[in-house]
N, C-alpha and C. Protein backbone atom coordinates (compact mmCIF):
# COMPACT_ATOMS: atom_id res chain seq x y z
N VAL A 1 14.44 -124.64 242.53
CA VAL A 1 15.03 -123.48 242.05
C VAL A 1 16.41 -124.27 241.14
N LYS A 2 16.33 -124.52 239.78
CA LYS A 2 17.49 -125.20 238.89
C LYS A 2 18.47 -124.10 239.44
N LYS A 3 19.98 -125.72 239.87
CA LYS A 3 21.42 -124.82 239.67
C LYS A 3 21.95 -125.55 238.44
N VAL A 4 22.11 -124.21 237.65
CA VAL A 4 22.63 -124.76 236.13
C VAL A 4 24.43 -124.14 236.47
N TYR A 5 24.99 -125.39 235.98
CA TYR A 5 26.23 -125.19 236.21
C TYR A 5 26.76 -123.82 235.54
N GLY A 6 27.71 -122.97 236.37
CA GLY A 6 28.20 -121.87 235.48
C GLY A 6 27.77 -120.74 236.11
N HIS A 7 26.41 -120.67 236.51
CA HIS A 7 25.84 -119.37 236.30
C HIS A 7 26.52 -118.16 237.49
N ASP A 8 26.83 -119.17 238.76
CA ASP A 8 27.57 -118.17 239.51
C ASP A 8 29.28 -117.52 239.42
N ILE A 9 29.37 -117.49 237.93
CA ILE A 9 31.07 -117.33 237.60
C ILE A 9 31.21 -115.80 237.96
N PHE A 10 30.21 -115.12 237.59
CA PHE A 10 30.40 -113.67 237.72
C PHE A 10 30.06 -112.71 239.02
N ASN A 11 29.51 -113.95 239.85
CA ASN A 11 29.03 -113.41 241.34
C ASN A 11 29.98 -113.46 242.38
N ASN A 12 31.71 -113.84 241.60
CA ASN A 12 32.55 -114.04 242.81
C ASN A 12 33.68 -112.61 242.68
N LYS A 13 33.56 -111.65 243.74
CA LYS A 13 34.01 -110.78 243.69
C LYS A 13 35.32 -110.85 243.50
N LEU A 14 36.10 -111.86 243.73
CA LEU A 14 37.42 -111.87 243.33
C LEU A 14 37.74 -112.78 242.12
N LEU A 15 37.06 -112.55 241.24
CA LEU A 15 37.00 -112.86 240.02
C LEU A 15 36.70 -112.09 239.12
N SER A 16 36.52 -110.39 238.82
CA SER A 16 36.22 -109.44 238.63
C SER A 16 36.33 -109.96 236.87
N PHE A 17 37.38 -110.43 236.15
CA PHE A 17 38.15 -110.17 235.00
C PHE A 17 38.57 -108.55 234.57
N GLU A 18 38.52 -107.88 235.61
CA GLU A 18 39.29 -106.38 235.57
C GLU A 18 40.44 -106.64 234.50
N PRO A 19 40.23 -105.22 233.24
CA PRO A 19 41.88 -105.48 232.78
C PRO A 19 42.80 -104.34 233.34
N ASN A 20 43.75 -105.52 233.24
CA ASN A 20 45.16 -105.35 233.55
C ASN A 20 46.00 -103.74 233.05
N MET A 21 45.85 -102.78 233.92
CA MET A 21 46.28 -101.87 232.58
C MET A 21 47.85 -101.41 233.54
N ASN A 22 48.49 -102.55 234.11
CA ASN A 22 50.18 -102.16 234.21
C ASN A 22 50.79 -102.94 233.18
N ILE A 23 50.17 -103.01 231.88
CA ILE A 23 50.99 -103.65 231.06
C ILE A 23 51.61 -103.00 230.03
N ALA A 24 52.30 -103.04 229.25
CA ALA A 24 52.71 -102.10 228.03
C ALA A 24 51.07 -102.05 227.01
N THR A 25 51.12 -100.97 226.58
CA THR A 25 49.80 -101.02 225.63
C THR A 25 50.58 -101.46 224.39
N PRO A 26 49.65 -102.24 223.60
CA PRO A 26 49.98 -103.48 222.83
C PRO A 26 50.25 -102.82 221.76
N GLN A 27 50.88 -102.59 220.38
CA GLN A 27 51.28 -102.27 219.30
C GLN A 27 49.79 -102.36 218.39
N ASP A 28 49.44 -102.92 218.70
CA ASP A 28 47.76 -103.25 217.86
C ASP A 28 46.83 -102.22 218.11
N TYR A 29 47.08 -101.90 219.67
CA TYR A 29 46.18 -101.06 220.84
C TYR A 29 45.24 -99.94 219.43
N VAL A 30 43.79 -100.07 219.36
CA VAL A 30 43.63 -98.63 218.15
C VAL A 30 43.11 -97.82 218.81
N LEU A 31 44.28 -96.22 218.53
CA LEU A 31 44.02 -95.14 219.66
C LEU A 31 42.52 -94.57 219.00
N GLY A 32 41.89 -93.71 220.32
CA GLY A 32 40.82 -93.15 219.41
C GLY A 32 40.77 -91.57 220.66
N PRO A 33 40.20 -90.77 220.39
CA PRO A 33 39.67 -89.63 221.23
C PRO A 33 39.84 -89.81 222.60
N GLY A 34 40.30 -89.15 223.48
CA GLY A 34 40.68 -89.11 224.94
C GLY A 34 41.64 -90.05 225.23
N ASP A 35 42.45 -90.77 224.51
CA ASP A 35 43.84 -91.62 224.85
C ASP A 35 44.81 -90.21 225.19
N GLN A 36 45.49 -90.81 225.61
CA GLN A 36 46.81 -89.84 226.62
C GLN A 36 48.32 -90.38 225.69
N LEU A 37 48.82 -89.83 224.75
CA LEU A 37 49.91 -90.23 224.46
C LEU A 37 51.16 -89.54 224.79
N VAL A 38 51.82 -90.15 224.93
CA VAL A 38 53.63 -89.45 225.22
C VAL A 38 54.35 -90.05 224.48
N ILE A 39 55.18 -88.72 223.31
CA ILE A 39 55.70 -88.70 222.07
C ILE A 39 57.20 -88.14 222.84
N ASP A 40 57.92 -89.04 222.89
CA ASP A 40 59.20 -88.82 223.37
C ASP A 40 60.32 -88.47 222.49
N VAL A 41 61.13 -87.40 222.27
CA VAL A 41 62.31 -87.49 221.37
C VAL A 41 64.01 -87.25 221.84
N TYR A 42 64.75 -88.48 221.37
CA TYR A 42 65.57 -88.45 222.08
C TYR A 42 66.78 -88.50 221.19
N GLY A 43 68.15 -88.19 221.65
CA GLY A 43 68.94 -88.31 220.32
C GLY A 43 69.43 -86.86 220.64
N ALA A 44 69.98 -85.97 218.91
CA ALA A 44 70.20 -84.94 219.28
C ALA A 44 69.44 -83.81 219.87
N SER A 45 68.46 -84.29 219.92
CA SER A 45 67.12 -83.29 220.60
C SER A 45 66.96 -84.09 221.67
N GLN A 46 66.42 -83.61 222.97
CA GLN A 46 65.14 -84.25 224.17
C GLN A 46 64.63 -83.34 224.45
N LYS A 47 62.77 -83.71 223.82
CA LYS A 47 61.81 -83.90 224.21
C LYS A 47 60.84 -84.70 225.11
N SER A 48 59.91 -84.10 225.37
CA SER A 48 58.50 -85.03 225.89
C SER A 48 57.27 -84.70 225.60
N PHE A 49 56.36 -84.76 225.20
CA PHE A 49 54.73 -84.26 225.12
C PHE A 49 53.86 -84.97 225.75
N GLN A 50 53.29 -84.83 226.30
CA GLN A 50 51.85 -85.35 226.44
C GLN A 50 50.66 -84.81 226.48
N LEU A 51 50.11 -85.65 225.40
CA LEU A 51 49.08 -84.85 224.30
C LEU A 51 47.82 -85.80 224.66
N THR A 52 46.72 -85.44 224.51
CA THR A 52 45.48 -86.30 224.42
C THR A 52 45.16 -86.36 223.24
N VAL A 53 44.21 -87.14 222.58
CA VAL A 53 43.80 -87.28 221.08
C VAL A 53 42.37 -86.62 221.55
N SER A 54 42.03 -85.26 220.56
CA SER A 54 41.30 -84.89 220.59
C SER A 54 40.17 -85.38 220.13
N PRO A 55 38.40 -84.56 220.55
CA PRO A 55 37.40 -85.21 219.74
C PRO A 55 37.58 -85.18 218.07
N GLU A 56 38.26 -84.78 217.74
CA GLU A 56 38.42 -84.59 216.24
C GLU A 56 39.84 -85.85 215.63
N GLY A 57 40.14 -86.40 216.60
CA GLY A 57 41.04 -87.57 216.65
C GLY A 57 42.07 -87.22 216.23
N THR A 58 42.81 -86.11 216.11
CA THR A 58 44.08 -85.66 216.43
C THR A 58 45.01 -85.30 217.68
N VAL A 59 46.22 -85.31 217.70
CA VAL A 59 47.16 -84.49 218.65
C VAL A 59 48.00 -83.80 217.86
N THR A 60 47.80 -82.30 218.80
CA THR A 60 48.54 -81.21 218.49
C THR A 60 50.10 -80.99 219.35
N VAL A 61 51.05 -81.36 218.37
CA VAL A 61 52.39 -81.30 218.83
C VAL A 61 52.90 -79.68 218.61
N PRO A 62 53.40 -79.66 219.78
CA PRO A 62 53.71 -77.48 220.23
C PRO A 62 54.89 -77.76 219.20
N ASP A 63 54.69 -76.20 218.60
CA ASP A 63 55.13 -76.16 216.85
C ASP A 63 55.53 -76.55 215.86
N TYR A 64 54.79 -77.71 215.92
CA TYR A 64 54.15 -78.43 214.91
C TYR A 64 52.77 -78.05 214.31
N GLY A 65 51.77 -78.47 215.21
CA GLY A 65 50.45 -78.41 214.63
C GLY A 65 50.21 -79.88 214.80
N PRO A 66 48.60 -80.19 214.33
CA PRO A 66 47.99 -81.36 214.57
C PRO A 66 48.02 -82.26 213.80
N ILE A 67 48.25 -83.37 214.21
CA ILE A 67 48.71 -85.07 213.47
C ILE A 67 47.26 -86.22 213.81
N SER A 68 46.69 -86.54 212.55
CA SER A 68 45.52 -87.07 213.13
C SER A 68 45.96 -89.19 213.31
N VAL A 69 45.45 -89.60 214.62
CA VAL A 69 46.29 -90.51 214.96
C VAL A 69 44.62 -91.28 215.24
N SER A 70 43.44 -90.83 215.15
CA SER A 70 42.42 -91.96 215.65
C SER A 70 42.14 -92.66 214.60
N GLY A 71 41.94 -94.15 215.12
CA GLY A 71 41.74 -95.23 213.89
C GLY A 71 42.98 -96.02 213.64
N MET A 72 44.08 -94.88 214.00
CA MET A 72 45.10 -95.96 213.90
C MET A 72 45.67 -96.96 215.21
N THR A 73 46.31 -97.76 214.92
CA THR A 73 47.11 -98.70 215.83
C THR A 73 48.41 -98.00 216.18
N VAL A 74 49.22 -98.02 217.91
CA VAL A 74 49.86 -97.53 218.11
C VAL A 74 51.33 -97.76 217.09
N ALA A 75 51.40 -98.67 216.47
CA ALA A 75 52.47 -99.31 215.51
C ALA A 75 52.77 -98.15 214.55
N ALA A 76 51.43 -97.89 213.96
CA ALA A 76 50.96 -97.27 213.00
C ALA A 76 51.18 -95.66 212.76
N ALA A 77 50.70 -94.88 213.97
CA ALA A 77 50.48 -94.19 215.26
C ALA A 77 51.86 -93.15 214.99
N ASN A 78 52.98 -94.57 215.88
CA ASN A 78 54.15 -94.04 215.62
C ASN A 78 55.04 -93.74 214.52
N SER A 79 54.51 -94.50 213.43
CA SER A 79 55.49 -93.95 212.40
C SER A 79 54.85 -92.73 211.59
N ARG A 80 53.73 -92.53 211.78
CA ARG A 80 52.88 -91.26 211.31
C ARG A 80 53.67 -89.98 212.29
N ILE A 81 53.81 -90.12 213.10
CA ILE A 81 54.47 -88.86 213.86
C ILE A 81 55.57 -89.05 213.45
N HIS A 82 56.19 -90.03 213.49
CA HIS A 82 58.20 -90.40 213.35
C HIS A 82 57.94 -89.61 212.22
N SER A 83 57.44 -89.88 210.76
CA SER A 83 57.08 -88.97 209.34
C SER A 83 57.21 -87.43 209.56
N SER A 84 56.14 -87.49 210.04
CA SER A 84 55.87 -85.96 210.34
C SER A 84 56.64 -85.06 211.10
N LEU A 85 57.24 -85.66 212.24
CA LEU A 85 58.35 -84.46 212.96
C LEU A 85 60.01 -84.89 212.43
N GLY A 86 59.82 -85.48 211.26
CA GLY A 86 60.68 -86.17 210.88
C GLY A 86 61.88 -85.10 210.43
N SER A 87 61.54 -84.12 209.43
CA SER A 87 62.40 -82.74 208.93
C SER A 87 62.66 -81.76 210.27
N ARG A 88 62.11 -81.90 211.15
CA ARG A 88 62.00 -80.87 212.39
C ARG A 88 63.50 -81.70 213.53
N TYR A 89 63.21 -83.33 213.75
CA TYR A 89 64.20 -83.55 214.13
C TYR A 89 64.87 -84.72 213.44
N SER A 90 65.33 -84.37 212.53
CA SER A 90 65.82 -85.65 211.38
C SER A 90 66.90 -86.46 212.25
N SER A 91 67.66 -85.74 213.59
CA SER A 91 69.08 -86.29 214.01
C SER A 91 68.44 -87.01 215.39
N SER A 92 67.14 -87.23 215.63
CA SER A 92 66.96 -87.95 216.97
C SER A 92 65.55 -88.83 216.53
N SER A 93 65.21 -89.60 217.50
CA SER A 93 64.72 -90.64 217.45
C SER A 93 63.06 -90.42 218.11
N VAL A 94 61.76 -90.40 217.39
CA VAL A 94 60.34 -90.59 217.99
C VAL A 94 60.33 -91.45 218.38
N LYS A 95 59.48 -91.88 219.93
CA LYS A 95 59.13 -93.27 220.19
C LYS A 95 57.35 -92.65 220.75
N LEU A 96 56.21 -92.91 220.51
CA LEU A 96 55.20 -93.24 220.79
C LEU A 96 54.96 -94.26 221.96
N SER A 97 54.30 -93.48 222.67
CA SER A 97 53.47 -94.71 224.08
C SER A 97 52.13 -93.92 224.30
N VAL A 98 51.67 -94.81 225.28
CA VAL A 98 49.85 -95.09 225.09
C VAL A 98 50.34 -94.83 226.98
N GLY A 99 49.73 -93.33 227.54
CA GLY A 99 49.55 -93.07 228.89
C GLY A 99 48.17 -93.57 229.84
N GLN A 100 47.50 -92.82 229.52
CA GLN A 100 46.01 -93.26 230.47
C GLN A 100 45.17 -93.33 229.46
N THR A 101 44.65 -94.71 228.93
CA THR A 101 43.98 -95.12 228.00
C THR A 101 42.36 -94.70 228.23
N ARG A 102 41.69 -94.08 227.26
CA ARG A 102 40.33 -93.72 227.53
C ARG A 102 39.48 -94.51 227.97
N THR A 103 38.33 -93.73 228.19
CA THR A 103 36.97 -95.12 228.14
C THR A 103 36.07 -95.36 227.16
N ILE A 104 35.34 -96.38 227.31
CA ILE A 104 34.53 -97.02 226.28
C ILE A 104 33.05 -96.97 226.40
N LEU A 105 32.32 -96.91 225.75
CA LEU A 105 30.86 -96.87 226.03
C LEU A 105 30.23 -98.41 225.02
N VAL A 106 30.05 -99.72 226.35
CA VAL A 106 29.48 -101.04 225.46
C VAL A 106 28.03 -100.74 226.31
N ASN A 107 27.13 -102.00 225.39
CA ASN A 107 25.82 -101.59 225.40
C ASN A 107 26.10 -103.08 225.91
N VAL A 108 25.50 -103.74 226.96
CA VAL A 108 25.22 -105.07 227.37
C VAL A 108 23.60 -105.38 227.36
N MET A 109 23.26 -106.04 226.46
CA MET A 109 21.92 -106.34 226.21
C MET A 109 21.24 -107.62 226.69
N GLY A 110 19.71 -108.09 226.77
CA GLY A 110 19.01 -109.29 227.08
C GLY A 110 19.01 -109.93 228.66
N GLU A 111 19.27 -111.00 228.66
CA GLU A 111 19.10 -111.55 230.23
C GLU A 111 20.82 -111.81 230.67
N VAL A 112 20.57 -110.42 231.09
CA VAL A 112 21.84 -110.30 232.62
C VAL A 112 20.68 -109.48 233.52
N LYS A 113 21.53 -109.75 234.80
CA LYS A 113 21.26 -108.94 235.85
C LYS A 113 20.62 -107.39 235.52
N SER A 114 21.34 -106.39 235.11
CA SER A 114 21.58 -105.13 234.81
C SER A 114 21.56 -104.85 233.66
N PRO A 115 21.11 -104.60 232.47
CA PRO A 115 20.98 -104.75 231.15
C PRO A 115 21.87 -102.77 230.77
N GLY A 116 21.88 -102.66 230.61
CA GLY A 116 22.46 -101.18 229.78
C GLY A 116 23.70 -100.71 229.47
N THR A 117 24.20 -99.57 229.63
CA THR A 117 25.31 -98.92 228.79
C THR A 117 26.10 -98.63 229.80
N TYR A 118 27.63 -98.85 229.95
CA TYR A 118 28.54 -99.10 230.98
C TYR A 118 29.80 -98.57 230.00
N HIS A 119 30.31 -97.54 231.18
CA HIS A 119 31.85 -97.16 230.75
C HIS A 119 32.49 -97.77 231.23
N LEU A 120 33.53 -98.19 230.35
CA LEU A 120 34.54 -99.11 230.79
C LEU A 120 36.20 -98.90 229.82
N SER A 121 36.83 -99.17 230.45
CA SER A 121 38.16 -99.20 230.21
C SER A 121 38.46 -99.60 228.65
N ALA A 122 39.34 -98.60 228.22
CA ALA A 122 39.47 -99.12 226.84
C ALA A 122 40.30 -100.83 226.57
N PHE A 123 40.45 -101.23 227.51
CA PHE A 123 41.05 -102.48 227.25
C PHE A 123 40.36 -103.71 228.04
N ALA A 124 38.68 -103.51 228.35
CA ALA A 124 38.05 -104.21 228.86
C ALA A 124 37.51 -105.24 227.98
N SER A 125 37.22 -106.45 228.44
CA SER A 125 36.81 -107.55 227.40
C SER A 125 35.45 -107.82 227.83
N VAL A 126 34.82 -109.34 227.20
CA VAL A 126 33.77 -109.43 226.99
C VAL A 126 33.48 -109.91 228.70
N PHE A 127 34.34 -110.53 228.92
CA PHE A 127 33.98 -110.81 230.73
C PHE A 127 34.00 -110.06 231.46
N HIS A 128 34.93 -108.96 231.57
CA HIS A 128 34.90 -107.95 232.25
C HIS A 128 33.21 -106.90 232.06
N ALA A 129 32.69 -107.01 231.21
CA ALA A 129 31.64 -106.23 230.64
C ALA A 129 30.45 -106.99 231.43
N LEU A 130 30.57 -108.16 231.37
CA LEU A 130 29.20 -109.20 231.86
C LEU A 130 29.52 -109.33 233.21
N TYR A 131 30.64 -109.10 233.97
CA TYR A 131 30.70 -108.93 235.27
C TYR A 131 30.13 -107.45 235.67
N ALA A 132 30.48 -106.42 234.91
CA ALA A 132 30.13 -105.28 235.07
C ALA A 132 28.58 -105.03 235.44
N ALA A 133 27.62 -106.00 234.48
CA ALA A 133 26.54 -105.74 234.02
C ALA A 133 26.14 -107.03 235.49
N GLY A 134 26.50 -107.21 236.13
CA GLY A 134 25.88 -108.06 237.60
C GLY A 134 25.91 -109.91 236.70
N GLY A 135 26.36 -110.36 235.88
CA GLY A 135 26.41 -111.38 235.53
C GLY A 135 25.18 -111.65 234.70
N ILE A 136 24.73 -113.44 234.35
CA ILE A 136 23.89 -113.87 233.41
C ILE A 136 22.63 -114.02 234.50
N LYS A 137 21.39 -113.62 234.08
CA LYS A 137 20.34 -114.18 234.93
C LYS A 137 20.22 -115.99 234.81
N ASP A 138 19.14 -116.33 235.22
CA ASP A 138 18.65 -117.47 235.20
C ASP A 138 18.09 -117.92 233.42
N LEU A 139 17.71 -117.62 232.96
CA LEU A 139 16.98 -117.71 231.11
C LEU A 139 18.10 -117.48 230.44
N GLY A 140 19.28 -116.83 230.91
CA GLY A 140 20.45 -116.30 230.03
C GLY A 140 21.56 -117.42 229.52
N THR A 141 21.88 -117.43 228.03
CA THR A 141 22.52 -118.22 227.69
C THR A 141 23.94 -118.27 228.31
N LEU A 142 24.67 -119.44 228.40
CA LEU A 142 26.16 -119.37 228.91
C LEU A 142 26.91 -119.87 227.73
N ARG A 143 26.51 -120.58 226.89
CA ARG A 143 27.10 -120.95 225.54
C ARG A 143 27.08 -120.30 224.12
N ASN A 144 26.38 -119.12 224.26
CA ASN A 144 26.22 -118.38 222.66
C ASN A 144 26.03 -117.13 223.39
N VAL A 145 26.96 -115.92 223.83
CA VAL A 145 27.21 -114.84 224.25
C VAL A 145 27.56 -114.02 222.92
N LYS A 146 27.14 -113.12 222.28
CA LYS A 146 27.38 -112.52 220.78
C LYS A 146 27.76 -111.22 221.38
N VAL A 147 28.55 -110.77 220.22
CA VAL A 147 29.44 -109.44 220.30
C VAL A 147 29.40 -108.85 219.06
N LEU A 148 28.26 -107.90 218.94
CA LEU A 148 28.40 -106.93 218.02
C LEU A 148 28.81 -106.12 217.95
N ARG A 149 29.13 -105.45 216.43
CA ARG A 149 30.19 -103.99 216.27
C ARG A 149 29.83 -103.96 215.39
N GLY A 150 28.80 -102.32 215.32
CA GLY A 150 28.59 -101.78 213.95
C GLY A 150 27.50 -102.70 213.38
N GLY A 151 26.52 -103.58 213.86
CA GLY A 151 25.45 -104.30 213.47
C GLY A 151 26.36 -105.79 212.86
N SER A 152 27.51 -106.07 213.14
CA SER A 152 27.98 -107.33 212.39
C SER A 152 28.49 -107.79 213.89
N LEU A 153 28.35 -109.34 213.69
CA LEU A 153 28.50 -110.30 214.39
C LEU A 153 29.91 -110.47 214.80
N VAL A 154 30.68 -109.82 215.50
CA VAL A 154 32.20 -110.02 215.67
C VAL A 154 32.73 -111.47 216.19
N THR A 155 32.38 -112.14 217.89
CA THR A 155 32.49 -113.46 217.97
C THR A 155 31.32 -113.89 218.93
N ILE A 156 31.73 -115.18 219.48
CA ILE A 156 30.56 -115.74 220.16
C ILE A 156 31.28 -116.55 221.25
N VAL A 157 31.71 -116.17 222.38
CA VAL A 157 31.87 -115.97 223.46
C VAL A 157 30.97 -117.85 224.67
N ASP A 158 32.02 -118.70 224.80
CA ASP A 158 31.50 -119.95 225.05
C ASP A 158 32.08 -119.92 226.29
N ILE A 159 31.08 -119.75 227.87
CA ILE A 159 31.68 -119.10 229.05
C ILE A 159 32.02 -120.43 229.11
N TYR A 160 31.16 -121.64 229.19
CA TYR A 160 31.80 -122.72 229.27
C TYR A 160 33.49 -123.37 228.97
N GLU A 161 33.89 -123.00 227.97
CA GLU A 161 35.38 -123.36 227.72
C GLU A 161 36.51 -122.29 228.60
N TYR A 162 35.96 -121.45 229.27
CA TYR A 162 36.50 -120.81 230.12
C TYR A 162 36.78 -121.95 231.63
N ILE A 163 35.52 -121.82 232.02
CA ILE A 163 35.05 -122.71 233.20
C ILE A 163 36.31 -124.14 233.15
N LEU A 164 35.58 -125.17 232.30
CA LEU A 164 36.20 -125.89 232.19
C LEU A 164 37.58 -126.52 231.53
N ASN A 165 37.79 -125.27 230.30
CA ASN A 165 39.49 -125.56 229.90
C ASN A 165 40.23 -124.51 229.81
N GLY A 166 39.76 -123.51 230.81
CA GLY A 166 40.64 -121.90 230.94
C GLY A 166 41.20 -121.41 229.78
N ARG A 167 40.12 -121.94 228.28
CA ARG A 167 40.43 -121.08 227.36
C ARG A 167 39.48 -119.90 227.10
N LEU A 168 39.93 -118.74 226.90
CA LEU A 168 39.26 -117.16 226.94
C LEU A 168 38.56 -117.32 225.14
N ALA A 169 38.02 -118.21 224.69
CA ALA A 169 37.73 -118.06 224.00
C ALA A 169 36.94 -116.96 223.49
N GLY A 170 36.99 -116.39 222.26
CA GLY A 170 36.00 -115.41 222.08
C GLY A 170 35.82 -114.20 222.89
N ASN A 171 36.65 -114.24 224.34
CA ASN A 171 36.93 -113.02 224.98
C ASN A 171 37.80 -111.49 224.62
N VAL A 172 37.35 -111.08 223.35
CA VAL A 172 37.60 -110.11 222.44
C VAL A 172 38.18 -108.97 223.43
N MET A 173 39.07 -107.78 223.60
CA MET A 173 38.80 -106.31 223.58
C MET A 173 37.79 -105.92 222.63
N LEU A 174 36.88 -104.96 223.69
CA LEU A 174 36.13 -104.20 223.67
C LEU A 174 36.08 -103.21 222.65
N HIS A 175 35.18 -102.92 221.42
CA HIS A 175 35.44 -101.53 221.12
C HIS A 175 34.58 -100.51 221.51
N ASP A 176 34.33 -99.41 221.22
CA ASP A 176 33.83 -98.38 221.41
C ASP A 176 32.50 -98.70 220.67
N ASN A 177 30.90 -98.61 221.47
CA ASN A 177 29.70 -98.44 220.83
C ASN A 177 29.63 -100.47 220.65
N ASP A 178 30.30 -101.41 220.98
CA ASP A 178 29.83 -102.13 220.77
C ASP A 178 28.84 -103.15 221.90
N VAL A 179 28.10 -103.82 221.28
CA VAL A 179 26.76 -104.45 221.63
C VAL A 179 27.42 -106.14 222.13
N ILE A 180 27.04 -106.36 223.46
CA ILE A 180 26.75 -107.78 224.25
C ILE A 180 25.60 -107.98 224.47
N GLN A 181 24.96 -109.21 223.41
CA GLN A 181 24.06 -109.93 223.53
C GLN A 181 23.84 -111.19 224.03
N VAL A 182 22.84 -111.21 225.27
CA VAL A 182 22.83 -112.29 225.93
C VAL A 182 21.27 -112.83 225.96
N GLY A 183 20.99 -113.67 224.79
CA GLY A 183 19.92 -114.30 224.63
C GLY A 183 19.31 -115.34 225.66
N PRO A 184 18.46 -115.86 225.59
CA PRO A 184 17.95 -117.06 226.23
C PRO A 184 18.68 -118.63 226.15
N TYR A 185 18.98 -119.15 226.74
CA TYR A 185 20.03 -120.51 226.69
C TYR A 185 18.45 -121.18 225.67
N ASP A 186 18.98 -122.16 225.18
CA ASP A 186 18.80 -122.88 224.46
C ASP A 186 18.01 -124.74 224.85
N CYS A 187 19.22 -124.98 225.22
CA CYS A 187 18.77 -126.21 226.00
C CYS A 187 19.23 -126.37 227.55
N LEU A 188 18.63 -127.03 228.43
CA LEU A 188 19.38 -127.58 229.20
C LEU A 188 18.95 -129.06 230.31
N VAL A 189 20.30 -129.74 230.26
CA VAL A 189 19.91 -130.89 230.60
C VAL A 189 20.47 -130.96 231.91
N GLY A 190 19.61 -132.32 232.87
CA GLY A 190 19.66 -132.36 234.51
C GLY A 190 20.19 -133.29 234.42
N ILE A 191 21.77 -133.51 235.09
CA ILE A 191 22.09 -134.90 235.21
C ILE A 191 22.46 -135.42 236.97
N THR A 192 21.79 -136.39 237.32
CA THR A 192 21.92 -137.34 239.09
C THR A 192 22.37 -138.28 238.49
N GLY A 193 23.08 -138.86 239.81
CA GLY A 193 23.31 -140.06 240.13
C GLY A 193 24.45 -140.03 240.67
N ASN A 194 25.24 -141.22 240.40
CA ASN A 194 27.22 -141.25 240.03
C ASN A 194 27.65 -140.26 239.99
N VAL A 195 27.21 -138.89 239.61
CA VAL A 195 28.59 -138.17 238.93
C VAL A 195 28.78 -137.11 240.09
N LYS A 196 30.12 -136.12 240.15
CA LYS A 196 30.57 -135.62 240.85
C LYS A 196 30.09 -134.33 240.76
N ARG A 197 29.27 -133.84 239.92
CA ARG A 197 28.28 -132.02 239.78
C ARG A 197 26.92 -132.73 239.41
N PRO A 198 26.34 -133.16 240.47
CA PRO A 198 25.13 -133.62 239.97
C PRO A 198 23.90 -131.86 239.59
N MET A 199 23.81 -131.41 238.39
CA MET A 199 22.93 -130.46 238.51
C MET A 199 22.59 -130.53 237.07
N PHE A 200 21.96 -128.63 236.22
CA PHE A 200 21.87 -128.52 235.27
C PHE A 200 22.52 -128.43 234.39
N TYR A 201 22.80 -128.37 233.30
CA TYR A 201 24.20 -128.11 232.09
C TYR A 201 23.29 -127.34 230.88
N GLU A 202 23.97 -126.84 230.46
CA GLU A 202 23.50 -126.01 229.22
C GLU A 202 24.17 -127.05 227.97
N MET A 203 23.16 -127.09 227.23
CA MET A 203 24.22 -127.94 226.15
C MET A 203 23.59 -127.61 224.86
N LYS A 204 24.51 -127.83 223.92
CA LYS A 204 24.01 -127.44 222.45
C LYS A 204 23.33 -128.49 221.94
N ARG A 205 22.48 -128.24 221.29
CA ARG A 205 21.74 -129.39 220.70
C ARG A 205 22.05 -130.53 219.83
N SER A 206 23.89 -129.67 219.48
CA SER A 206 24.67 -130.78 218.58
C SER A 206 25.30 -131.79 219.29
N GLU A 207 25.28 -131.53 220.55
CA GLU A 207 25.90 -131.79 221.38
C GLU A 207 25.55 -133.42 222.28
N THR A 208 26.31 -134.35 222.74
CA THR A 208 25.63 -135.84 223.03
C THR A 208 25.92 -135.93 224.53
N VAL A 209 25.24 -136.62 225.08
CA VAL A 209 25.24 -137.24 226.37
C VAL A 209 26.85 -137.60 226.89
N LYS A 210 27.37 -138.45 225.76
CA LYS A 210 28.82 -138.88 226.04
C LYS A 210 29.79 -137.04 226.41
N GLN A 211 29.51 -136.19 225.98
CA GLN A 211 30.14 -134.85 226.06
C GLN A 211 29.57 -134.35 227.48
N LEU A 212 28.52 -134.42 227.90
CA LEU A 212 27.51 -133.85 228.95
C LEU A 212 28.55 -134.60 230.16
N LEU A 213 28.51 -135.89 230.14
CA LEU A 213 29.08 -136.64 231.19
C LEU A 213 30.80 -136.09 231.35
């Protein structure tokens, strides 16, 4: 059996790439149905609303009505809510934060151990989705993992960049209905002799023996 460098990265139970939920929600996080929002009004008026974005993409503020926020960043939604409630709370400040985030559906296809559709946190990245799918099979590429969104290529992930250089290049935050496509590898090269890791390596056809060494 060929031992291919890097193929066991997703078999480590201590390295699940689980998203960190204990961080402040980034201001560029895009809201969607199922997200739970906290709207705090402070100043002359003191109120706090915990609301869930509806399937129609709105939050219904008590005594005001629905405000559309789906597809907006946290920063943009905060501005919209502030301007919408401005006349009612003109002498108060309004701040929006995100409580519980929604789950998204991500399709992991191709040469992974358990291809299928996965329910993941909206903070999930490509690496976490690959871990959830059991990792990449022996025929799968580690150098050319594609992420498709709406039929268009969003990014290409090269897992060797992470293993060798610690760079999470292309490891984007996923969106609902993204497709992660793991095709077969293009080129495997075996190396033996006086090297620290004699095994097979997945190489791009544009790479050289010097890069392999």
